[in-house]
Amino acid sequence: MHKPDLSGEWTLNREASQLSPEVAPVVERGFVRVSRPGVSHARWDGDTLVFSDTTPTPNGAMTIVFRYELHDERRRLRAAEQLRGAGREMDNVWVFDREPS
């Protein structure tokens, strides 16, 4: 089965994103660059690329999971973020538009 190509540069679509109350007031713009070779802690779940990382902090381990999916005829990258641990719980949905090549 051929997996979708998520590589490229993507610009945050703030209006289409669903951000937590902690993040929404401070995020104005952003971008992501996806480079598939050499990505650690990543696996495919169907057509979704799942990236997870656990980081030790002074308040305990913090785990962050991103689920990357293509939408709108592959013109939009949706990144569902889930952060848990170290006294924090946060869910965000980041939406990025593909930059023209």
N, C-alpha and C. Protein backbone atom coordinates (compact mmCIF):
# COMPACT_ATOMS: atom_id res chain seq x y z
N MET A 1 0.84 -1.18 0.00
CA MET A 1 0.00 0.00 0.00
C MET A 1 0.88 1.24 0.00
N HIS A 2 0.62 2.17 -0.88
CA HIS A 2 1.40 3.40 -1.02
C HIS A 2 0.95 4.43 0.01
N LYS A 3 1.89 4.93 0.81
CA LYS A 3 1.58 5.92 1.84
C LYS A 3 1.62 7.32 1.24
N PRO A 4 0.81 8.26 1.76
CA PRO A 4 0.82 9.62 1.23
C PRO A 4 2.15 10.31 1.50
N ASP A 5 2.54 11.18 0.60
CA ASP A 5 3.78 11.94 0.73
C ASP A 5 3.48 13.24 1.48
N LEU A 6 3.86 13.30 2.75
CA LEU A 6 3.62 14.48 3.58
C LEU A 6 4.77 15.47 3.51
N SER A 7 5.84 15.12 2.81
CA SER A 7 7.00 15.99 2.78
C SER A 7 6.69 17.31 2.10
N GLY A 8 7.41 18.34 2.50
CA GLY A 8 7.23 19.67 1.95
C GLY A 8 7.15 20.71 3.04
N GLU A 9 6.85 21.93 2.65
CA GLU A 9 6.70 23.02 3.61
C GLU A 9 5.24 23.42 3.69
N TRP A 10 4.78 23.64 4.91
CA TRP A 10 3.37 23.91 5.19
C TRP A 10 3.28 25.16 6.05
N THR A 11 2.28 26.02 5.79
CA THR A 11 2.05 27.24 6.54
C THR A 11 0.79 27.09 7.39
N LEU A 12 0.85 27.51 8.65
CA LEU A 12 -0.27 27.38 9.56
C LEU A 12 -1.49 28.14 9.06
N ASN A 13 -2.63 27.49 9.05
CA ASN A 13 -3.91 28.12 8.76
C ASN A 13 -4.59 28.28 10.11
N ARG A 14 -4.40 29.43 10.73
CA ARG A 14 -4.86 29.70 12.10
C ARG A 14 -6.38 29.55 12.23
N GLU A 15 -7.12 30.03 11.25
CA GLU A 15 -8.58 30.00 11.31
C GLU A 15 -9.13 28.57 11.25
N ALA A 16 -8.47 27.69 10.52
CA ALA A 16 -8.95 26.31 10.39
C ALA A 16 -8.48 25.42 11.54
N SER A 17 -7.53 25.90 12.35
CA SER A 17 -7.00 25.12 13.46
C SER A 17 -7.92 25.20 14.67
N GLN A 18 -7.84 24.19 15.52
CA GLN A 18 -8.60 24.16 16.78
C GLN A 18 -7.59 24.07 17.90
N LEU A 19 -7.30 25.20 18.53
CA LEU A 19 -6.23 25.27 19.52
C LEU A 19 -6.78 25.40 20.93
N SER A 20 -6.05 24.83 21.89
CA SER A 20 -6.48 24.88 23.29
C SER A 20 -6.41 26.30 23.81
N PRO A 21 -7.13 26.60 24.90
CA PRO A 21 -7.13 27.95 25.46
C PRO A 21 -5.74 28.43 25.88
N GLU A 22 -4.85 27.50 26.22
CA GLU A 22 -3.49 27.89 26.61
C GLU A 22 -2.67 28.35 25.41
N VAL A 23 -2.94 27.81 24.25
CA VAL A 23 -2.12 28.08 23.06
C VAL A 23 -2.73 29.16 22.18
N ALA A 24 -4.04 29.16 22.02
CA ALA A 24 -4.72 30.05 21.07
C ALA A 24 -4.34 31.52 21.20
N PRO A 25 -4.26 32.10 22.40
CA PRO A 25 -3.97 33.53 22.49
C PRO A 25 -2.56 33.93 22.05
N VAL A 26 -1.63 32.99 22.04
CA VAL A 26 -0.24 33.35 21.77
C VAL A 26 0.27 32.94 20.39
N VAL A 27 -0.49 32.15 19.64
CA VAL A 27 -0.04 31.69 18.33
C VAL A 27 -0.66 32.56 17.24
N GLU A 28 0.20 33.22 16.47
CA GLU A 28 -0.27 34.04 15.36
C GLU A 28 0.04 33.40 14.02
N ARG A 29 1.19 32.75 13.91
CA ARG A 29 1.57 32.11 12.65
C ARG A 29 2.58 31.01 12.95
N GLY A 30 2.77 30.16 11.95
CA GLY A 30 3.72 29.07 12.11
C GLY A 30 3.88 28.30 10.82
N PHE A 31 4.85 27.42 10.81
CA PHE A 31 5.06 26.57 9.65
C PHE A 31 5.64 25.26 10.14
N VAL A 32 5.55 24.27 9.29
CA VAL A 32 6.15 22.97 9.56
C VAL A 32 6.82 22.48 8.28
N ARG A 33 7.93 21.85 8.45
CA ARG A 33 8.64 21.22 7.33
C ARG A 33 8.69 19.74 7.65
N VAL A 34 8.14 18.92 6.76
CA VAL A 34 8.11 17.48 6.97
C VAL A 34 9.16 16.85 6.08
N SER A 35 10.07 16.14 6.69
CA SER A 35 11.11 15.42 5.98
C SER A 35 11.02 13.96 6.43
N ARG A 36 10.57 13.08 5.56
CA ARG A 36 10.30 11.69 5.97
C ARG A 36 11.55 10.91 6.30
N PRO A 37 12.68 11.04 5.58
CA PRO A 37 13.84 10.23 5.95
C PRO A 37 14.38 10.65 7.31
N GLY A 38 14.74 9.68 8.13
CA GLY A 38 15.40 9.96 9.40
C GLY A 38 14.47 10.37 10.52
N VAL A 39 13.16 10.32 10.36
CA VAL A 39 12.24 10.68 11.42
C VAL A 39 12.22 9.55 12.45
N SER A 40 12.47 9.88 13.69
CA SER A 40 12.45 8.85 14.73
C SER A 40 11.11 8.84 15.44
N HIS A 41 10.80 7.75 16.12
CA HIS A 41 9.57 7.60 16.89
C HIS A 41 8.34 7.84 16.01
N ALA A 42 8.34 7.37 14.81
CA ALA A 42 7.21 7.58 13.90
C ALA A 42 6.76 6.23 13.35
N ARG A 43 5.47 6.14 13.09
CA ARG A 43 4.92 4.92 12.48
C ARG A 43 3.70 5.31 11.67
N TRP A 44 3.34 4.47 10.75
CA TRP A 44 2.14 4.68 9.94
C TRP A 44 0.98 3.95 10.57
N ASP A 45 -0.17 4.61 10.63
CA ASP A 45 -1.44 4.02 11.03
C ASP A 45 -2.39 4.27 9.86
N GLY A 46 -2.42 3.34 8.91
CA GLY A 46 -3.15 3.59 7.67
C GLY A 46 -2.45 4.69 6.89
N ASP A 47 -3.17 5.75 6.52
CA ASP A 47 -2.60 6.89 5.82
C ASP A 47 -2.19 8.01 6.77
N THR A 48 -2.18 7.74 8.07
CA THR A 48 -1.84 8.74 9.08
C THR A 48 -0.44 8.46 9.61
N LEU A 49 0.42 9.49 9.63
CA LEU A 49 1.75 9.37 10.21
C LEU A 49 1.64 9.77 11.68
N VAL A 50 2.00 8.86 12.58
CA VAL A 50 1.91 9.09 14.01
C VAL A 50 3.32 9.27 14.56
N PHE A 51 3.57 10.43 15.16
CA PHE A 51 4.86 10.74 15.78
C PHE A 51 4.63 10.88 17.28
N SER A 52 5.45 10.19 18.08
CA SER A 52 5.31 10.31 19.52
C SER A 52 6.69 10.43 20.16
N ASP A 53 6.71 11.16 21.27
CA ASP A 53 7.96 11.36 21.99
C ASP A 53 7.64 11.55 23.46
N THR A 54 8.41 10.93 24.32
CA THR A 54 8.28 11.12 25.75
C THR A 54 9.55 11.77 26.25
N THR A 55 9.37 12.87 27.00
CA THR A 55 10.50 13.66 27.48
C THR A 55 10.43 13.75 29.00
N PRO A 56 11.55 13.45 29.68
CA PRO A 56 11.54 13.64 31.13
C PRO A 56 11.57 15.13 31.46
N THR A 57 10.81 15.53 32.46
CA THR A 57 10.81 16.91 32.95
C THR A 57 10.91 16.88 34.47
N PRO A 58 11.18 18.00 35.11
CA PRO A 58 11.22 18.02 36.58
C PRO A 58 9.88 17.60 37.22
N ASN A 59 8.76 17.72 36.47
CA ASN A 59 7.45 17.36 36.98
C ASN A 59 6.99 15.97 36.53
N GLY A 60 7.90 15.16 36.00
CA GLY A 60 7.55 13.84 35.51
C GLY A 60 7.63 13.77 34.00
N ALA A 61 7.37 12.60 33.45
CA ALA A 61 7.47 12.41 32.00
C ALA A 61 6.32 13.11 31.29
N MET A 62 6.64 13.71 30.16
CA MET A 62 5.64 14.37 29.31
C MET A 62 5.66 13.68 27.96
N THR A 63 4.49 13.25 27.50
CA THR A 63 4.37 12.58 26.20
C THR A 63 3.59 13.46 25.25
N ILE A 64 4.12 13.61 24.05
CA ILE A 64 3.44 14.37 23.01
C ILE A 64 3.27 13.45 21.81
N VAL A 65 2.06 13.44 21.27
CA VAL A 65 1.74 12.62 20.10
C VAL A 65 1.13 13.52 19.04
N PHE A 66 1.65 13.44 17.83
CA PHE A 66 1.09 14.13 16.68
C PHE A 66 0.59 13.09 15.69
N ARG A 67 -0.58 13.33 15.12
CA ARG A 67 -1.13 12.50 14.06
C ARG A 67 -1.27 13.39 12.83
N TYR A 68 -0.45 13.14 11.81
CA TYR A 68 -0.42 13.95 10.59
C TYR A 68 -1.25 13.29 9.50
N GLU A 69 -2.18 14.07 8.91
CA GLU A 69 -3.03 13.58 7.83
C GLU A 69 -3.17 14.64 6.75
N LEU A 70 -3.29 14.20 5.50
CA LEU A 70 -3.55 15.12 4.40
C LEU A 70 -5.06 15.26 4.20
N HIS A 71 -5.50 16.48 3.87
CA HIS A 71 -6.92 16.78 3.62
C HIS A 71 -7.03 17.69 2.41
N ASP A 72 -8.25 17.92 1.98
CA ASP A 72 -8.55 18.85 0.89
C ASP A 72 -7.68 18.59 -0.34
N GLU A 73 -7.80 17.37 -0.84
CA GLU A 73 -7.07 16.94 -2.04
C GLU A 73 -5.55 17.16 -1.89
N ARG A 74 -5.04 16.84 -0.69
CA ARG A 74 -3.60 16.89 -0.38
C ARG A 74 -3.02 18.30 -0.34
N ARG A 75 -3.89 19.31 -0.25
CA ARG A 75 -3.40 20.70 -0.17
C ARG A 75 -3.27 21.17 1.28
N ARG A 76 -3.78 20.38 2.21
CA ARG A 76 -3.81 20.80 3.61
C ARG A 76 -3.30 19.66 4.49
N LEU A 77 -2.43 20.01 5.43
CA LEU A 77 -1.89 19.06 6.39
C LEU A 77 -2.54 19.34 7.74
N ARG A 78 -3.15 18.32 8.32
CA ARG A 78 -3.79 18.43 9.63
C ARG A 78 -2.93 17.68 10.63
N ALA A 79 -2.54 18.36 11.71
CA ALA A 79 -1.72 17.75 12.76
C ALA A 79 -2.49 17.80 14.07
N ALA A 80 -3.02 16.65 14.50
CA ALA A 80 -3.72 16.58 15.77
C ALA A 80 -2.68 16.30 16.85
N GLU A 81 -2.58 17.21 17.82
CA GLU A 81 -1.58 17.13 18.88
C GLU A 81 -2.25 16.74 20.19
N GLN A 82 -1.62 15.82 20.90
CA GLN A 82 -2.08 15.45 22.23
C GLN A 82 -0.87 15.46 23.15
N LEU A 83 -0.93 16.28 24.20
CA LEU A 83 0.16 16.39 25.16
C LEU A 83 -0.37 15.93 26.52
N ARG A 84 0.37 15.03 27.15
CA ARG A 84 -0.04 14.49 28.44
C ARG A 84 1.17 14.35 29.35
N GLY A 85 0.96 14.57 30.64
CA GLY A 85 1.99 14.34 31.64
C GLY A 85 2.61 15.63 32.14
N ALA A 86 3.44 15.48 33.18
CA ALA A 86 4.12 16.61 33.81
C ALA A 86 3.13 17.68 34.24
N GLY A 87 1.93 17.24 34.67
CA GLY A 87 0.92 18.18 35.14
C GLY A 87 0.19 18.93 34.04
N ARG A 88 0.30 18.46 32.81
CA ARG A 88 -0.34 19.16 31.69
C ARG A 88 -1.18 18.19 30.87
N GLU A 89 -2.30 18.70 30.37
CA GLU A 89 -3.13 18.00 29.39
C GLU A 89 -3.57 19.03 28.37
N MET A 90 -3.24 18.80 27.13
CA MET A 90 -3.55 19.76 26.08
C MET A 90 -3.84 19.02 24.78
N ASP A 91 -4.86 19.46 24.08
CA ASP A 91 -5.19 18.93 22.75
C ASP A 91 -5.31 20.11 21.80
N ASN A 92 -4.65 20.00 20.66
CA ASN A 92 -4.70 21.03 19.63
C ASN A 92 -4.83 20.36 18.28
N VAL A 93 -5.47 21.05 17.35
CA VAL A 93 -5.50 20.62 15.96
C VAL A 93 -4.90 21.76 15.15
N TRP A 94 -3.75 21.49 14.56
CA TRP A 94 -3.04 22.48 13.75
C TRP A 94 -3.33 22.16 12.29
N VAL A 95 -3.64 23.18 11.50
CA VAL A 95 -3.92 23.00 10.08
C VAL A 95 -2.93 23.86 9.30
N PHE A 96 -2.25 23.24 8.34
CA PHE A 96 -1.24 23.92 7.53
C PHE A 96 -1.60 23.79 6.07
N ASP A 97 -1.38 24.85 5.29
CA ASP A 97 -1.60 24.83 3.85
C ASP A 97 -0.27 24.59 3.15
N ARG A 98 -0.30 23.74 2.12
CA ARG A 98 0.94 23.42 1.38
C ARG A 98 1.44 24.67 0.65
N GLU A 99 2.72 24.91 0.78
CA GLU A 99 3.36 26.01 0.04
C GLU A 99 3.53 25.59 -1.42
N PRO A 100 3.33 26.50 -2.34
CA PRO A 100 3.54 26.14 -3.75
C PRO A 100 5.00 25.77 -4.00
N SER A 101 5.21 24.78 -4.86
CA SER A 101 6.60 24.37 -5.14
C SER A 101 7.20 25.10 -6.29
